[in-house]
């Protein structure tokens, strides 16, 4: 198993180009399989999620051809299977998106229970309820979910709580369903807008409506299209935190300010420096950062994926800060690793009157996890042997090791490779002392 070995203490300086969004690229590959022609997807980060998606598509009969480092051609006229292969299907967290695509293409889908990072209960039931509202039937058989439904019809469906992937699944199915579909309380993430743009290029009729609606007029046929994946906003946040936490100066080529609004508002509060320039955005450290509080929320709020990275930044800010997690029910596993490095973090539960309304995850009344952290800073960190528990926690531990005095070793880095393309190489270009060893 590969590990990362990091010697901390160097300010990171220079420029880095953001890859295509991890939460968009592999999903666009699935959506491309709805079309009857060939699609070309550009600016695709070839991370493990993309490689696994490619493997699944090939096994169910879709032609996938890689051209260069960042482009794939997809043609699904030969799609022949409605069941995901067991091994690769267990690895993907996009199982319901595959189900949506297969349902729209053939009226049948068999998928394993979804995978991805272990962040507590993932609300897949919301995705399935959306499919059922269009006329699909869902049953559980062993470790698989069986979904059937031909001649699906448009409907009006409201998500009880916002769901990024659930919104995308319903868009994919409704794109070819008969009639008009209105999704209420739909996800507001820019990756969803990227999916809508791509499907419309393929011949779809999808738009955002008033409030938080998405309106889809189903079409009989979708073709191929050429599309460039949006830049990865989570990667942007990671390098921004790296610049500020190591007291460095980094330019993020092709970063989009509009994708980072909630994060930038918090940077203003703590005294961090950033600007937009002709290349993208620049982030740099100028003076001691101040502590502030955040609560994660669905878009356009402060994203749950940014929470661990914000926590490590707050270990270097002056004062006491609070980080409250409202979206996932178990996202503070990394804090134990930070405490090994000397971070002063105390987990607790905030006082909340209406748990069900306040938290975005299911069954908060019976949940036993702690959902908030109090961080005292600034605190010097020291190197340690660290275990990665999920994707964003992995990036956070990398940033912590870059700050720390001495050597750190990170295990279970396959989590990091799921979402970051050549992270160690890019960090070395910025001056980090980091190497991958086996």
Protein backbone atom coordinates (compact mmCIF):
# COMPACT_ATOMS: atom_id res chain seq x y z
CA UNK A 1 0.00 0.00 0.00
CA UNK A 2 1.33 3.43 -0.95
CA UNK A 3 1.93 6.09 1.69
CA UNK A 4 2.73 9.79 1.66
CA UNK A 5 5.78 11.00 3.57
CA UNK A 6 5.79 14.75 4.25
CA UNK A 7 8.39 16.98 5.88
CA UNK A 8 6.55 20.13 6.93
CA UNK A 9 7.50 23.73 7.50
CA UNK A 10 7.87 25.17 3.99
CA UNK A 11 5.65 28.06 2.80
CA UNK A 12 4.02 27.01 -0.47
CA UNK A 13 4.60 29.40 -3.37
CA UNK A 14 3.77 29.40 -7.05
CA UNK A 15 0.90 28.60 -9.38
CA UNK A 16 -1.22 25.50 -9.90
CA UNK A 17 -3.86 24.73 -12.51
CA UNK A 18 -7.09 23.26 -11.22
CA UNK A 19 -8.33 20.03 -12.73
CA UNK A 20 -11.87 19.25 -13.79
CA UNK A 21 -14.34 18.96 -10.91
CA UNK A 22 -14.26 15.59 -9.19
CA UNK A 23 -17.98 15.91 -8.42
CA UNK A 24 -18.81 16.59 -12.07
CA UNK A 25 -16.49 14.68 -14.41
CA UNK A 26 -17.39 11.06 -13.74
CA UNK A 27 -21.08 11.97 -13.53
CA UNK A 28 -20.92 13.56 -16.98
CA UNK A 29 -19.51 10.26 -18.28
CA UNK A 30 -22.62 8.52 -16.98
CA UNK A 31 -24.92 11.19 -18.43
CA UNK A 32 -23.16 10.89 -21.80
CA UNK A 33 -24.37 7.29 -21.94
CA UNK A 34 -27.94 8.59 -22.33
CA UNK A 35 -27.10 9.81 -25.82
CA UNK A 36 -27.26 7.92 -29.11
CA UNK A 37 -24.21 9.66 -30.54
CA UNK A 38 -20.61 10.11 -29.46
CA UNK A 39 -19.79 12.61 -26.72
CA UNK A 40 -16.43 14.16 -25.95
CA UNK A 41 -15.67 15.27 -22.38
CA UNK A 42 -12.72 17.64 -21.90
CA UNK A 43 -10.74 18.77 -18.83
CA UNK A 44 -11.43 15.48 -17.08
CA UNK A 45 -9.28 14.78 -14.02
CA UNK A 46 -8.23 11.13 -14.27
CA UNK A 47 -8.80 10.24 -10.63
CA UNK A 48 -9.80 6.79 -9.36
CA UNK A 49 -13.53 7.65 -9.42
CA UNK A 50 -13.20 8.35 -13.16
CA UNK A 51 -11.22 5.15 -13.74
CA UNK A 52 -13.86 3.11 -11.90
CA UNK A 53 -16.67 4.78 -13.86
CA UNK A 54 -14.85 3.97 -17.09
CA UNK A 55 -14.51 0.32 -16.03
CA UNK A 56 -18.23 0.06 -15.23
CA UNK A 57 -19.30 1.69 -18.49
CA UNK A 58 -17.12 -0.65 -20.53
CA UNK A 59 -18.50 -3.73 -18.77
CA UNK A 60 -22.11 -2.75 -19.51
CA UNK A 61 -21.35 -2.18 -23.19
CA UNK A 62 -20.44 1.51 -23.46
CA UNK A 63 -17.42 2.46 -25.58
CA UNK A 64 -15.00 4.67 -23.66
CA UNK A 65 -11.80 5.89 -25.28
CA UNK A 66 -9.23 8.02 -23.53
CA UNK A 67 -7.51 10.61 -25.72
CA UNK A 68 -4.56 12.32 -24.06
CA UNK A 69 -4.57 13.01 -20.33
CA UNK A 70 -7.85 14.92 -20.00
CA UNK A 71 -10.28 13.88 -22.74
CA UNK A 72 -12.58 10.87 -23.15
CA UNK A 73 -14.88 9.85 -25.99
CA UNK A 74 -18.07 8.03 -24.99
CA UNK A 75 -20.51 6.20 -27.27
CA UNK A 76 -23.28 4.10 -25.75
CA UNK A 77 -25.09 2.61 -28.75
CA UNK A 78 -23.86 -0.82 -27.71
CA UNK A 79 -25.10 -0.63 -24.12
CA UNK A 80 -26.32 -4.15 -23.34
CA UNK A 81 -26.48 -4.71 -19.59
CA UNK A 82 -28.76 -3.28 -16.92
CA UNK A 83 -26.80 -4.58 -13.91
CA UNK A 84 -23.62 -3.00 -12.60
CA UNK A 85 -20.64 -5.34 -12.18
CA UNK A 86 -20.32 -6.31 -8.52
CA UNK A 87 -16.69 -5.34 -7.84
CA UNK A 88 -16.68 -1.93 -9.52
CA UNK A 89 -20.30 -1.27 -8.57
CA UNK A 90 -19.44 -1.61 -4.88
CA UNK A 91 -16.72 1.04 -5.23
CA UNK A 92 -18.83 3.75 -6.82
CA UNK A 93 -20.86 6.30 -4.89
CA UNK A 94 -22.71 7.12 -8.10
CA UNK A 95 -24.76 3.92 -8.18
CA UNK A 96 -28.05 5.81 -8.27
CA UNK A 97 -26.81 7.88 -11.22
CA UNK A 98 -26.04 4.67 -13.10
CA UNK A 99 -29.52 3.49 -12.12
CA UNK A 100 -31.06 6.69 -13.46
CA UNK A 101 -29.22 6.36 -16.77
CA UNK A 102 -30.07 2.66 -17.19
CA UNK A 103 -33.69 3.28 -16.24
CA UNK A 104 -33.97 6.02 -18.86
CA UNK A 105 -32.28 3.82 -21.49
CA UNK A 106 -33.77 0.37 -20.88
CA UNK A 107 -36.39 0.61 -18.15
CA UNK A 108 -34.40 -1.53 -15.74
CA UNK A 109 -31.43 -1.18 -13.38
CA UNK A 110 -29.79 -3.43 -10.79
CA UNK A 111 -27.26 -1.70 -8.57
CA UNK A 112 -25.39 -2.57 -5.37
CA UNK A 113 -25.85 -0.49 -2.27
CA UNK A 114 -23.78 2.69 -2.85
CA UNK A 115 -20.18 3.20 -1.73
CA UNK A 116 -17.92 6.25 -1.43
CA UNK A 117 -16.51 7.78 1.74
CA UNK A 118 -17.72 6.44 5.08
CA UNK A 119 -19.44 9.56 6.39
CA UNK A 120 -22.35 7.96 8.18
CA UNK A 121 -25.70 7.31 6.57
CA UNK A 122 -25.90 8.49 2.97
CA UNK A 123 -29.55 9.38 2.24
CA UNK A 124 -29.99 7.16 -0.85
CA UNK A 125 -33.65 6.79 0.03
CA UNK A 126 -34.20 10.36 -1.22
CA UNK A 127 -32.79 9.41 -4.63
CA UNK A 128 -35.03 6.36 -4.85
CA UNK A 129 -38.15 8.27 -3.80
CA UNK A 130 -37.46 10.68 -6.66
CA UNK A 131 -37.26 7.81 -9.17
CA UNK A 132 -40.46 6.27 -7.77
CA UNK A 133 -42.30 9.57 -8.25
CA UNK A 134 -41.73 9.20 -12.00
CA UNK A 135 -43.28 5.73 -11.97
CA UNK A 136 -40.31 3.48 -11.17
CA UNK A 137 -40.66 0.48 -8.84
CA UNK A 138 -37.92 -0.24 -6.31
CA UNK A 139 -37.18 -3.46 -4.43
CA UNK A 140 -34.27 -4.72 -2.33
CA UNK A 141 -32.94 -8.19 -3.11
CA UNK A 142 -29.92 -9.27 -1.09
CA UNK A 143 -27.15 -6.69 -1.51
CA UNK A 144 -28.74 -5.21 -4.63
CA UNK A 145 -31.40 -2.64 -5.42
CA UNK A 146 -33.70 -3.56 -8.33
CA UNK A 147 -35.36 -0.65 -10.13
CA UNK A 148 -37.81 -1.05 -13.00
CA UNK A 149 -40.02 1.29 -14.95
CA UNK A 150 -40.83 1.82 -18.61
CA UNK A 151 -42.82 4.74 -19.99
CA UNK A 152 -41.85 6.98 -17.08
CA UNK A 153 -43.91 10.15 -16.83
CA UNK A 154 -42.99 13.63 -15.69
CA UNK A 155 -44.16 14.82 -12.31
CA UNK A 156 -43.69 17.46 -9.64
CA UNK A 157 -41.51 16.19 -6.83
CA UNK A 158 -40.18 17.96 -3.75
CA UNK A 159 -37.11 16.75 -1.90
CA UNK A 160 -37.75 16.83 1.84
CA UNK A 161 -34.09 17.79 2.33
CA UNK A 162 -31.67 18.97 -0.33
CA UNK A 163 -29.60 16.32 -2.06
CA UNK A 164 -26.88 16.96 -4.63
CA UNK A 165 -26.72 13.49 -6.18
CA UNK A 166 -30.46 12.92 -5.77
CA UNK A 167 -31.16 16.04 -7.82
CA UNK A 168 -28.76 14.83 -10.51
CA UNK A 169 -30.36 11.37 -10.61
CA UNK A 170 -33.81 12.83 -11.14
CA UNK A 171 -32.54 15.19 -13.85
CA UNK A 172 -30.98 12.26 -15.74
CA UNK A 173 -34.17 10.15 -15.64
CA UNK A 174 -36.55 13.03 -16.32
CA UNK A 175 -34.50 14.18 -19.32
CA UNK A 176 -36.09 11.32 -21.30
CA UNK A 177 -39.34 10.84 -19.37
CA UNK A 178 -42.62 11.74 -21.04
CA UNK A 179 -43.84 15.24 -20.23
CA UNK A 180 -42.76 17.92 -17.79
CA UNK A 181 -40.96 17.36 -14.49
CA UNK A 182 -40.51 19.99 -11.79
CA UNK A 183 -37.98 19.34 -9.02
CA UNK A 184 -38.67 21.45 -5.95
CA UNK A 185 -36.06 22.15 -3.26
CA UNK A 186 -33.46 21.10 -5.82
CA UNK A 187 -29.73 21.17 -5.16
CA UNK A 188 -28.01 24.46 -6.00
CA UNK A 189 -24.46 23.19 -6.58
CA UNK A 190 -22.60 24.48 -9.67
CA UNK A 191 -21.82 20.86 -10.60
CA UNK A 192 -25.57 20.37 -11.14
CA UNK A 193 -25.54 23.37 -13.48
CA UNK A 194 -22.62 21.76 -15.33
CA UNK A 195 -24.71 18.60 -15.80
CA UNK A 196 -27.69 20.64 -17.02
CA UNK A 197 -25.49 22.48 -19.53
CA UNK A 198 -24.11 19.20 -20.87
CA UNK A 199 -27.52 17.51 -21.20
CA UNK A 200 -28.89 20.57 -22.99
CA UNK A 201 -26.00 20.35 -25.47
CA UNK A 202 -27.11 16.74 -26.04
CA UNK A 203 -30.62 17.96 -26.89
CA UNK A 204 -32.24 18.13 -23.47
CA UNK A 205 -34.66 20.84 -22.33
CA UNK A 206 -33.69 21.64 -18.75
CA UNK A 207 -33.57 24.93 -16.88
CA UNK A 208 -33.63 26.39 -13.40
CA UNK A 209 -36.98 27.87 -12.51
CA UNK A 210 -38.10 30.33 -9.84
CA UNK A 211 -36.96 29.78 -6.29
CA UNK A 212 -35.16 26.47 -6.04
CA UNK A 213 -36.90 24.63 -8.86
CA UNK A 214 -35.48 22.76 -11.82
CA UNK A 215 -37.82 22.28 -14.78
CA UNK A 216 -37.29 19.44 -17.27
CA UNK A 217 -39.25 18.87 -20.46
CA UNK A 218 -38.56 15.27 -21.42
CA UNK A 219 -37.34 14.52 -24.94
CA UNK A 220 -37.48 11.27 -26.92
CA UNK A 221 -33.89 11.33 -28.07
CA UNK A 222 -30.55 12.70 -26.89
CA UNK A 223 -27.45 12.87 -29.05
CA UNK A 224 -23.75 13.41 -28.41
CA UNK A 225 -22.06 16.63 -27.34
CA UNK A 226 -18.68 18.21 -26.58
CA UNK A 227 -18.28 19.63 -23.09
CA UNK A 228 -15.51 20.92 -20.85
CA UNK A 229 -15.77 19.96 -17.17
CA UNK A 230 -15.93 22.93 -14.77
CA UNK A 231 -12.86 23.52 -12.54
CA UNK A 232 -12.83 21.72 -9.20
CA UNK A 233 -13.90 24.09 -6.44
CA UNK A 234 -12.88 21.63 -3.73
CA UNK A 235 -9.39 21.48 -5.15
CA UNK A 236 -9.39 25.29 -5.19
CA UNK A 237 -10.28 25.40 -1.49
CA UNK A 238 -7.57 22.87 -0.68
CA UNK A 239 -4.80 24.92 -2.28
CA UNK A 240 -6.18 28.16 -0.85
CA UNK A 241 -5.96 26.63 2.63
CA UNK A 242 -2.46 25.35 1.85
CA UNK A 243 -1.35 28.88 0.94
CA UNK A 244 -2.81 30.45 4.07
CA UNK A 245 -1.90 27.71 6.55
CA UNK A 246 1.75 27.49 5.41
CA UNK A 247 2.05 31.31 5.20
CA UNK A 248 2.56 31.06 1.47
CA UNK A 249 1.30 32.61 -1.78
CA UNK A 250 -0.47 30.55 -4.46
CA UNK A 251 -2.18 31.45 -7.74
CA UNK A 252 -5.00 29.10 -8.76
CA UNK A 253 -5.25 29.14 -12.53
CA UNK A 254 -8.85 29.00 -13.85
CA UNK A 255 -10.43 29.24 -10.36
CA UNK A 256 -13.98 30.66 -10.45
CA UNK A 257 -14.81 33.22 -7.76
CA UNK A 258 -18.54 32.59 -8.18
CA UNK A 259 -18.05 28.95 -7.13
CA UNK A 260 -16.35 29.90 -3.84
CA UNK A 261 -18.59 32.66 -2.50
CA UNK A 262 -19.37 31.21 0.96
CA UNK A 263 -15.70 30.32 1.52
CA UNK A 264 -14.46 33.76 0.45
CA UNK A 265 -16.90 35.48 2.80
CA UNK A 266 -15.32 33.57 5.69
CA UNK A 267 -11.81 34.44 4.49
CA UNK A 268 -12.77 38.11 4.73
CA UNK A 269 -13.80 37.55 8.36
CA UNK A 270 -10.47 36.00 9.37
CA UNK A 271 -8.25 38.53 7.61
CA UNK A 272 -6.97 36.27 4.82
CA UNK A 273 -5.86 37.81 1.54
CA UNK A 274 -7.17 36.89 -1.90
CA UNK A 275 -7.79 38.54 -5.25
CA UNK A 276 -9.06 37.77 -8.73
CA UNK A 277 -6.57 38.23 -11.55
CA UNK A 278 -6.28 37.42 -15.25
CA UNK A 279 -5.09 33.89 -14.47
CA UNK A 280 -7.76 32.97 -11.93
CA UNK A 281 -7.41 33.71 -8.21
CA UNK A 282 -4.51 34.38 -5.84
CA UNK A 283 -4.44 33.49 -2.11
CA UNK A 284 -1.69 34.63 0.24
CA UNK A 285 -0.84 35.03 3.91
CA UNK A 286 -0.13 38.55 5.17
CA UNK A 287 -0.83 38.62 8.91
CA UNK A 288 -2.10 36.52 11.82
CA UNK A 289 -5.49 35.00 10.97
CA UNK A 290 -8.46 35.47 13.32
CA UNK A 291 -10.77 32.70 14.53
CA UNK A 292 -14.37 32.60 13.31
CA UNK A 293 -17.30 30.16 13.31
CA UNK A 294 -18.85 28.22 10.44
CA UNK A 295 -21.84 25.94 9.89
CA UNK A 296 -21.96 23.62 6.90
CA UNK A 297 -25.07 23.83 4.74
CA UNK A 298 -26.22 22.74 1.28
CA UNK A 299 -25.26 25.08 -1.56
CA UNK A 300 -25.04 28.02 -1.69
CA UNK A 301 -23.92 27.71 1.95
CA UNK A 302 -20.53 26.65 3.33
CA UNK A 303 -19.94 23.25 1.77
CA UNK A 304 -19.52 20.16 3.95
CA UNK A 305 -16.46 19.12 1.90
CA UNK A 306 -14.71 22.32 3.01
CA UNK A 307 -15.30 21.70 6.71
CA UNK A 308 -12.22 19.57 7.50
CA UNK A 309 -9.98 21.97 5.58
CA UNK A 310 -11.43 24.91 7.49
CA UNK A 311 -10.74 23.11 10.76
CA UNK A 312 -7.03 22.80 10.01
CA UNK A 313 -6.92 26.48 9.05
CA UNK A 314 -8.54 27.39 12.37
CA UNK A 315 -5.78 25.56 14.27
CA UNK A 316 -3.52 28.35 12.98
CA UNK A 317 -5.95 31.22 13.68
CA UNK A 318 -5.88 33.28 16.88
CA UNK A 319 -8.77 32.60 19.23
CA UNK A 320 -11.52 30.01 19.65
CA UNK A 321 -13.58 28.93 16.66
CA UNK A 322 -16.53 26.59 16.26
CA UNK A 323 -17.19 24.32 13.30
CA UNK A 324 -20.70 22.82 13.13
CA UNK A 325 -21.48 19.99 10.69
CA UNK A 326 -25.12 19.95 9.60
CA UNK A 327 -24.93 17.90 6.39
CA UNK A 328 -23.17 14.62 7.30
CA UNK A 329 -23.67 12.82 10.58
CA UNK A 330 -20.11 11.53 11.04
CA UNK A 331 -17.51 13.86 9.59
CA UNK A 332 -15.13 14.55 12.49
CA UNK A 333 -13.19 11.27 12.43
CA UNK A 334 -10.07 13.14 11.30
CA UNK A 335 -9.96 15.24 14.50
CA UNK A 336 -8.33 12.41 16.46
CA UNK A 337 -5.47 12.45 13.94
CA UNK A 338 -5.06 16.22 14.29
CA UNK A 339 -4.98 15.87 18.07
CA UNK A 340 -2.05 13.45 17.69
CA UNK A 341 -0.23 16.35 16.01
CA UNK A 342 -0.96 18.74 18.88
CA UNK A 343 -4.18 20.41 17.69
CA UNK A 344 -6.51 21.62 20.44
CA UNK A 345 -9.94 20.36 19.40
CA UNK A 346 -12.96 19.46 21.50
CA UNK A 347 -15.98 17.78 19.95
CA UNK A 348 -19.48 18.56 21.23
CA UNK A 349 -23.11 18.82 20.19
CA UNK A 350 -24.60 22.30 19.76
CA UNK A 351 -27.87 23.15 21.47
CA UNK A 352 -30.59 22.72 18.86
CA UNK A 353 -34.36 22.96 19.38
CA UNK A 354 -35.55 21.18 16.24
CA UNK A 355 -33.00 18.53 15.30
CA UNK A 356 -34.90 17.27 12.26
CA UNK A 357 -35.17 20.74 10.75
CA UNK A 358 -31.62 21.82 11.64
CA UNK A 359 -29.70 18.80 10.34
CA UNK A 360 -29.70 17.67 6.69
CA UNK A 361 -29.02 14.00 7.44
CA UNK A 362 -31.71 11.46 8.29
CA UNK A 363 -32.81 10.53 11.83
CA UNK A 364 -30.84 13.14 13.81
CA UNK A 365 -33.03 12.43 16.87
CA UNK A 366 -31.41 9.01 17.31
CA UNK A 367 -27.92 9.82 16.05
CA UNK A 368 -25.14 9.28 18.63
CA UNK A 369 -22.31 11.18 16.93
CA UNK A 370 -20.93 14.59 17.87
CA UNK A 371 -21.58 17.25 15.26
CA UNK A 372 -19.41 20.22 16.19
CA UNK A 373 -15.80 21.06 17.06
CA UNK A 374 -14.30 23.82 19.18
CA UNK A 375 -10.78 24.71 18.04
CA UNK A 376 -8.25 26.79 19.98
CA UNK A 377 -5.40 28.42 18.08
CA UNK A 378 -2.86 29.21 16.97
CA UNK A 379 -1.28 25.87 17.83
CA UNK A 380 2.07 24.56 16.55
CA UNK A 381 1.71 21.09 15.03
CA UNK A 382 4.25 18.28 15.06
CA UNK A 383 4.70 15.43 12.61
CA UNK A 384 2.94 12.12 13.27
CA UNK A 385 1.86 8.84 11.70
CA UNK A 386 -1.63 9.50 10.36
CA UNK A 387 -4.50 7.37 9.06
CA UNK A 388 -6.79 8.77 6.36
CA UNK A 389 -10.50 8.00 6.90
CA UNK A 390 -12.11 9.72 3.90
CA UNK A 391 -11.33 11.95 0.93
CA UNK A 392 -11.49 15.47 2.42
CA UNK A 393 -10.05 14.30 5.73
CA UNK A 394 -7.13 13.00 3.70
CA UNK A 395 -6.53 16.38 2.09
CA UNK A 396 -6.81 17.98 5.53
CA UNK A 397 -4.15 15.69 6.99
CA UNK A 398 -1.87 16.50 4.05
CA UNK A 399 -2.28 20.21 4.84
CA UNK A 400 -1.67 19.55 8.53
CA UNK A 401 1.54 17.69 7.69
CA UNK A 402 2.69 20.60 5.52
CA UNK A 403 2.26 22.95 8.50
CA UNK A 404 3.79 20.62 11.08
CA UNK A 405 7.37 20.57 12.28
CA UNK A 406 9.01 17.28 11.42
CA UNK A 407 8.02 14.24 9.38
CA UNK A 408 4.51 12.86 8.94
CA UNK A 409 3.43 9.62 7.26
CA UNK A 410 -0.08 9.19 5.83
CA UNK A 411 -1.63 5.76 5.30
CA UNK A 412 -4.82 4.79 3.39
CA UNK A 413 -4.09 7.43 0.74
CA UNK A 414 -6.36 5.69 -1.79
CA UNK A 415 -9.08 7.92 -0.32
CA UNK A 416 -7.11 10.97 -1.49
CA UNK A 417 -6.56 9.54 -4.96
CA UNK A 418 -10.34 9.21 -5.35
CA UNK A 419 -10.66 12.98 -5.57
CA UNK A 420 -7.28 14.62 -6.22
CA UNK A 421 -5.32 14.26 -9.43
CA UNK A 422 -1.55 14.11 -8.78
CA UNK A 423 -1.86 15.98 -5.47
CA UNK A 424 1.68 15.14 -4.36
CA UNK A 425 3.15 16.23 -7.72
CA UNK A 426 1.32 19.56 -7.66
CA UNK A 427 2.38 20.24 -4.07
CA UNK A 428 6.02 19.52 -4.93
CA UNK A 429 5.78 22.13 -7.68
CA UNK A 430 4.75 24.61 -4.97
CA UNK A 431 7.74 23.77 -2.78
CA UNK A 432 6.36 21.00 -0.56
CA UNK A 433 8.66 18.25 0.67
CA UNK A 434 6.33 15.34 -0.10
CA UNK A 435 6.92 11.93 -1.63
CA UNK A 436 4.88 8.82 -2.36
CA UNK A 437 6.44 5.57 -1.15
CA UNK A 438 5.36 1.92 -1.29
